[in-house]
N, C-alpha and C. Protein backbone atom coordinates (compact mmCIF):
# COMPACT_ATOMS: atom_id res chain seq x y z
N MET A 1 82.02 5.50 -181.59
CA MET A 1 81.40 4.10 -181.63
C MET A 1 80.18 4.11 -182.54
N ALA A 2 79.09 4.88 -182.02
CA ALA A 2 77.78 4.93 -182.43
C ALA A 2 78.09 5.48 -184.39
N GLU A 3 79.18 6.45 -184.47
CA GLU A 3 79.21 6.56 -185.84
C GLU A 3 79.58 5.78 -186.56
N THR A 4 80.73 4.95 -186.15
CA THR A 4 81.24 3.77 -186.78
C THR A 4 80.00 2.74 -187.17
N ILE A 5 79.24 2.24 -186.16
CA ILE A 5 78.21 1.45 -186.36
C ILE A 5 77.06 2.12 -187.33
N SER A 6 76.70 3.32 -187.39
CA SER A 6 75.84 4.11 -188.24
C SER A 6 76.71 4.08 -189.60
N SER A 7 77.89 4.44 -189.89
CA SER A 7 78.53 4.39 -191.05
C SER A 7 78.51 2.86 -191.65
N PHE A 8 78.80 2.12 -190.86
CA PHE A 8 78.74 0.41 -191.49
C PHE A 8 77.33 0.07 -191.81
N LEU A 9 76.19 0.37 -191.22
CA LEU A 9 74.94 -0.08 -191.51
C LEU A 9 74.51 0.88 -192.70
N THR A 10 75.01 2.02 -192.85
CA THR A 10 74.50 2.82 -194.19
C THR A 10 75.26 2.16 -195.28
N ALA A 11 76.61 1.79 -195.15
CA ALA A 11 77.33 1.31 -196.23
C ALA A 11 76.66 -0.10 -196.62
N ASP A 12 76.27 -0.88 -195.53
CA ASP A 12 75.49 -2.18 -195.77
C ASP A 12 74.26 -2.09 -196.37
N HIS A 13 73.51 -1.03 -196.13
CA HIS A 13 72.42 -0.93 -196.84
C HIS A 13 72.44 -0.49 -198.28
N ARG A 14 73.39 0.40 -198.49
CA ARG A 14 73.67 0.81 -200.17
C ARG A 14 74.10 -0.35 -200.58
N ALA A 15 74.87 -1.21 -200.20
CA ALA A 15 75.52 -2.40 -200.74
C ALA A 15 74.27 -3.48 -201.19
N CYS A 16 73.32 -3.47 -200.17
CA CYS A 16 72.24 -4.41 -200.50
C CYS A 16 71.15 -3.76 -201.40
N ASP A 17 71.32 -2.43 -201.53
CA ASP A 17 70.53 -1.76 -202.55
C ASP A 17 71.13 -1.97 -204.04
N GLU A 18 72.22 -1.92 -203.90
CA GLU A 18 73.03 -2.11 -205.25
C GLU A 18 73.01 -3.52 -205.77
N GLU A 19 72.87 -4.62 -204.89
CA GLU A 19 72.83 -5.80 -205.22
C GLU A 19 71.40 -6.03 -206.00
N PHE A 20 70.32 -5.29 -205.28
CA PHE A 20 68.92 -5.62 -205.83
C PHE A 20 68.80 -4.94 -207.22
N ALA A 21 69.47 -3.62 -207.36
CA ALA A 21 69.32 -2.81 -208.42
C ALA A 21 70.10 -3.68 -209.67
N GLN A 22 71.12 -4.42 -209.46
CA GLN A 22 71.91 -5.13 -210.44
C GLN A 22 70.94 -6.59 -210.78
N MET A 23 70.20 -7.10 -209.76
CA MET A 23 69.57 -8.08 -209.92
C MET A 23 68.34 -7.50 -210.94
N GLU A 24 67.71 -6.49 -210.81
CA GLU A 24 66.65 -5.74 -211.86
C GLU A 24 67.09 -5.63 -213.01
N ASN A 25 68.45 -5.08 -213.05
CA ASN A 25 68.89 -4.99 -214.33
C ASN A 25 69.06 -6.25 -215.41
N ALA A 26 69.54 -7.24 -214.58
CA ALA A 26 69.65 -8.75 -215.12
C ALA A 26 68.31 -9.10 -215.65
N VAL A 27 67.21 -9.07 -214.76
CA VAL A 27 65.94 -9.45 -215.13
C VAL A 27 65.48 -8.65 -216.50
N ALA A 28 65.57 -7.55 -216.25
CA ALA A 28 65.10 -6.60 -217.40
C ALA A 28 65.77 -6.97 -218.82
N SER A 29 67.24 -7.58 -218.56
CA SER A 29 68.02 -7.98 -219.88
C SER A 29 67.70 -9.41 -220.16
N ASP A 30 66.79 -9.99 -219.44
CA ASP A 30 66.58 -11.18 -219.55
C ASP A 30 67.76 -12.24 -219.16
N ASN A 31 68.54 -12.03 -218.40
CA ASN A 31 69.86 -12.70 -218.27
C ASN A 31 69.44 -13.37 -216.80
N TRP A 32 68.79 -14.59 -216.82
CA TRP A 32 68.08 -15.25 -215.82
C TRP A 32 69.35 -15.81 -214.85
N ASP A 33 70.40 -15.97 -215.57
CA ASP A 33 71.29 -16.83 -214.69
C ASP A 33 71.89 -15.82 -213.80
N LEU A 34 72.33 -14.79 -214.52
CA LEU A 34 72.73 -13.53 -213.51
C LEU A 34 71.80 -12.96 -212.59
N ALA A 35 70.71 -12.79 -212.84
CA ALA A 35 69.62 -12.63 -211.86
C ALA A 35 69.46 -13.43 -210.84
N GLN A 36 69.71 -14.69 -210.91
CA GLN A 36 69.68 -15.85 -209.96
C GLN A 36 70.71 -15.33 -209.32
N GLU A 37 71.83 -15.31 -209.48
CA GLU A 37 73.33 -15.07 -208.78
C GLU A 37 73.12 -13.67 -208.07
N LYS A 38 72.35 -12.81 -208.59
CA LYS A 38 72.25 -11.49 -208.03
C LYS A 38 71.42 -11.47 -206.97
N PHE A 39 70.30 -12.14 -207.18
CA PHE A 39 69.13 -12.67 -206.04
C PHE A 39 69.83 -13.35 -204.95
N ASN A 40 70.75 -14.34 -205.11
CA ASN A 40 71.32 -14.96 -204.21
C ASN A 40 72.15 -14.39 -203.33
N LYS A 41 73.04 -13.51 -203.84
CA LYS A 41 74.14 -12.61 -203.20
C LYS A 41 73.10 -11.53 -202.37
N PHE A 42 72.11 -11.19 -202.97
CA PHE A 42 71.20 -9.94 -202.51
C PHE A 42 70.55 -10.66 -200.97
N THR A 43 70.06 -11.85 -201.07
CA THR A 43 69.43 -12.72 -200.00
C THR A 43 70.42 -12.80 -198.70
N THR A 44 71.47 -13.36 -199.14
CA THR A 44 72.71 -13.37 -198.32
C THR A 44 73.00 -12.21 -197.50
N ASP A 45 73.32 -11.23 -198.54
CA ASP A 45 73.79 -9.84 -197.60
C ASP A 45 72.87 -9.35 -197.02
N LEU A 46 71.41 -9.45 -197.49
CA LEU A 46 70.37 -8.98 -196.58
C LEU A 46 69.93 -9.71 -195.20
N MET A 47 70.02 -11.10 -195.48
CA MET A 47 70.13 -11.56 -193.99
C MET A 47 71.34 -11.33 -193.08
N HIS A 48 72.40 -11.26 -193.55
CA HIS A 48 73.59 -10.92 -192.68
C HIS A 48 73.30 -9.59 -192.39
N HIS A 49 72.90 -8.72 -192.71
CA HIS A 49 72.56 -7.10 -192.30
C HIS A 49 71.33 -7.51 -191.34
N PHE A 50 70.38 -7.94 -191.70
CA PHE A 50 69.39 -8.23 -190.56
C PHE A 50 70.12 -8.98 -189.15
N ASN A 51 70.69 -9.79 -189.56
CA ASN A 51 71.50 -10.66 -188.10
C ASN A 51 72.09 -9.56 -187.53
N MET A 52 73.03 -8.84 -188.20
CA MET A 52 73.86 -7.78 -187.44
C MET A 52 72.82 -6.90 -186.76
N GLU A 53 71.93 -6.43 -187.27
CA GLU A 53 70.94 -5.29 -186.46
C GLU A 53 70.25 -5.93 -185.41
N GLU A 54 69.78 -7.13 -185.66
CA GLU A 54 69.07 -8.21 -184.30
C GLU A 54 69.99 -8.53 -183.46
N GLN A 55 71.25 -9.05 -183.76
CA GLN A 55 72.03 -9.49 -182.47
C GLN A 55 72.99 -8.54 -181.93
N VAL A 56 73.34 -7.53 -182.94
CA VAL A 56 74.35 -6.59 -182.24
C VAL A 56 73.80 -5.04 -181.79
N MET A 57 73.27 -4.62 -182.89
CA MET A 57 72.71 -3.13 -182.88
C MET A 57 71.51 -3.05 -181.87
N PHE A 58 70.31 -3.72 -182.14
CA PHE A 58 69.19 -3.52 -181.33
C PHE A 58 69.59 -3.98 -179.91
N PRO A 59 70.02 -4.95 -179.45
CA PRO A 59 70.31 -5.38 -178.10
C PRO A 59 71.03 -4.25 -177.37
N THR A 60 72.10 -3.66 -178.13
CA THR A 60 72.72 -2.64 -177.50
C THR A 60 72.05 -1.47 -177.51
N PHE A 61 71.10 -0.96 -178.42
CA PHE A 61 70.18 0.25 -178.46
C PHE A 61 69.09 -0.16 -177.04
N GLU A 62 68.72 -1.15 -177.10
CA GLU A 62 67.60 -1.50 -176.32
C GLU A 62 68.23 -1.58 -174.72
N GLU A 63 69.31 -2.07 -174.48
CA GLU A 63 69.96 -1.82 -173.22
C GLU A 63 70.21 -0.53 -172.55
N ARG A 64 70.79 0.34 -173.90
CA ARG A 64 71.12 1.60 -173.25
C ARG A 64 70.07 2.67 -173.08
N THR A 65 68.86 2.38 -173.87
CA THR A 65 67.86 3.20 -173.79
C THR A 65 66.60 2.81 -172.95
N GLY A 66 66.56 1.69 -172.84
CA GLY A 66 65.42 0.86 -172.08
C GLY A 66 64.48 0.75 -172.80
N MET A 67 64.21 0.84 -174.16
CA MET A 67 63.27 0.95 -175.07
C MET A 67 63.34 -0.29 -175.73
N VAL A 68 62.41 -1.31 -175.29
CA VAL A 68 62.39 -2.51 -175.77
C VAL A 68 61.19 -2.84 -176.79
N GLY A 69 60.10 -2.23 -176.42
CA GLY A 69 58.95 -2.14 -177.47
C GLY A 69 58.83 -0.90 -178.55
N GLY A 70 60.04 -0.25 -178.71
CA GLY A 70 60.02 0.94 -179.52
C GLY A 70 60.43 0.63 -180.89
N PRO A 71 61.10 1.50 -181.45
CA PRO A 71 61.54 1.40 -182.93
C PRO A 71 62.17 -0.10 -183.28
N THR A 72 62.94 -0.72 -182.30
CA THR A 72 63.63 -2.02 -182.69
C THR A 72 62.69 -3.02 -183.01
N SER A 73 61.39 -2.93 -182.08
CA SER A 73 60.37 -4.18 -182.15
C SER A 73 59.80 -3.97 -183.54
N MET A 74 59.61 -2.56 -183.87
CA MET A 74 59.08 -2.41 -185.34
C MET A 74 59.79 -3.04 -186.30
N MET A 75 61.31 -2.57 -186.31
CA MET A 75 62.26 -3.14 -187.57
C MET A 75 62.38 -4.76 -187.14
N ARG A 76 62.14 -5.28 -186.16
CA ARG A 76 62.28 -6.90 -186.23
C ARG A 76 60.87 -7.05 -187.12
N MET A 77 59.82 -6.65 -186.78
CA MET A 77 58.47 -7.08 -187.41
C MET A 77 58.94 -6.86 -189.06
N GLU A 78 59.33 -5.78 -189.27
CA GLU A 78 59.72 -5.42 -190.89
C GLU A 78 60.87 -6.48 -191.39
N HIS A 79 61.55 -6.86 -190.63
CA HIS A 79 62.61 -7.97 -191.05
C HIS A 79 61.91 -9.15 -191.31
N GLU A 80 61.32 -9.48 -190.47
CA GLU A 80 60.22 -10.72 -190.54
C GLU A 80 59.39 -10.72 -191.76
N GLN A 81 58.70 -9.59 -192.12
CA GLN A 81 57.99 -9.41 -193.31
C GLN A 81 58.93 -9.46 -194.59
N MET A 82 60.12 -9.05 -194.36
CA MET A 82 60.95 -8.99 -195.64
C MET A 82 61.61 -10.42 -195.91
N ARG A 83 61.72 -11.06 -194.78
CA ARG A 83 62.22 -12.51 -195.05
C ARG A 83 61.03 -13.36 -195.52
N SER A 84 59.77 -13.17 -194.98
CA SER A 84 58.90 -13.73 -195.93
C SER A 84 58.76 -13.53 -197.34
N VAL A 85 58.73 -12.28 -197.45
CA VAL A 85 58.96 -11.72 -199.25
C VAL A 85 59.94 -12.45 -199.82
N VAL A 86 61.19 -12.49 -199.50
CA VAL A 86 62.39 -13.19 -200.15
C VAL A 86 62.36 -14.46 -200.14
N GLU A 87 61.74 -15.31 -199.16
CA GLU A 87 61.54 -16.67 -199.27
C GLU A 87 60.45 -17.19 -200.40
């Protein structure tokens, strides 16, 4: 199961990266309508990814390892920072 979750999250990360790259390309081409469309898709996908990690993966990791203030705490802080940047 852990490998399935890892594979999903890796693919999800790549999809978000690809959306961001497409947005950058649209900006570089002065295609602002497409850039806005790609930005909207990127932010929707990114927030979904964060929610999957925070609501599914992190609690499971914390429950199984007993590590509540460890890496998941740092990743939650990073998510909050990225949410602020996107907003």
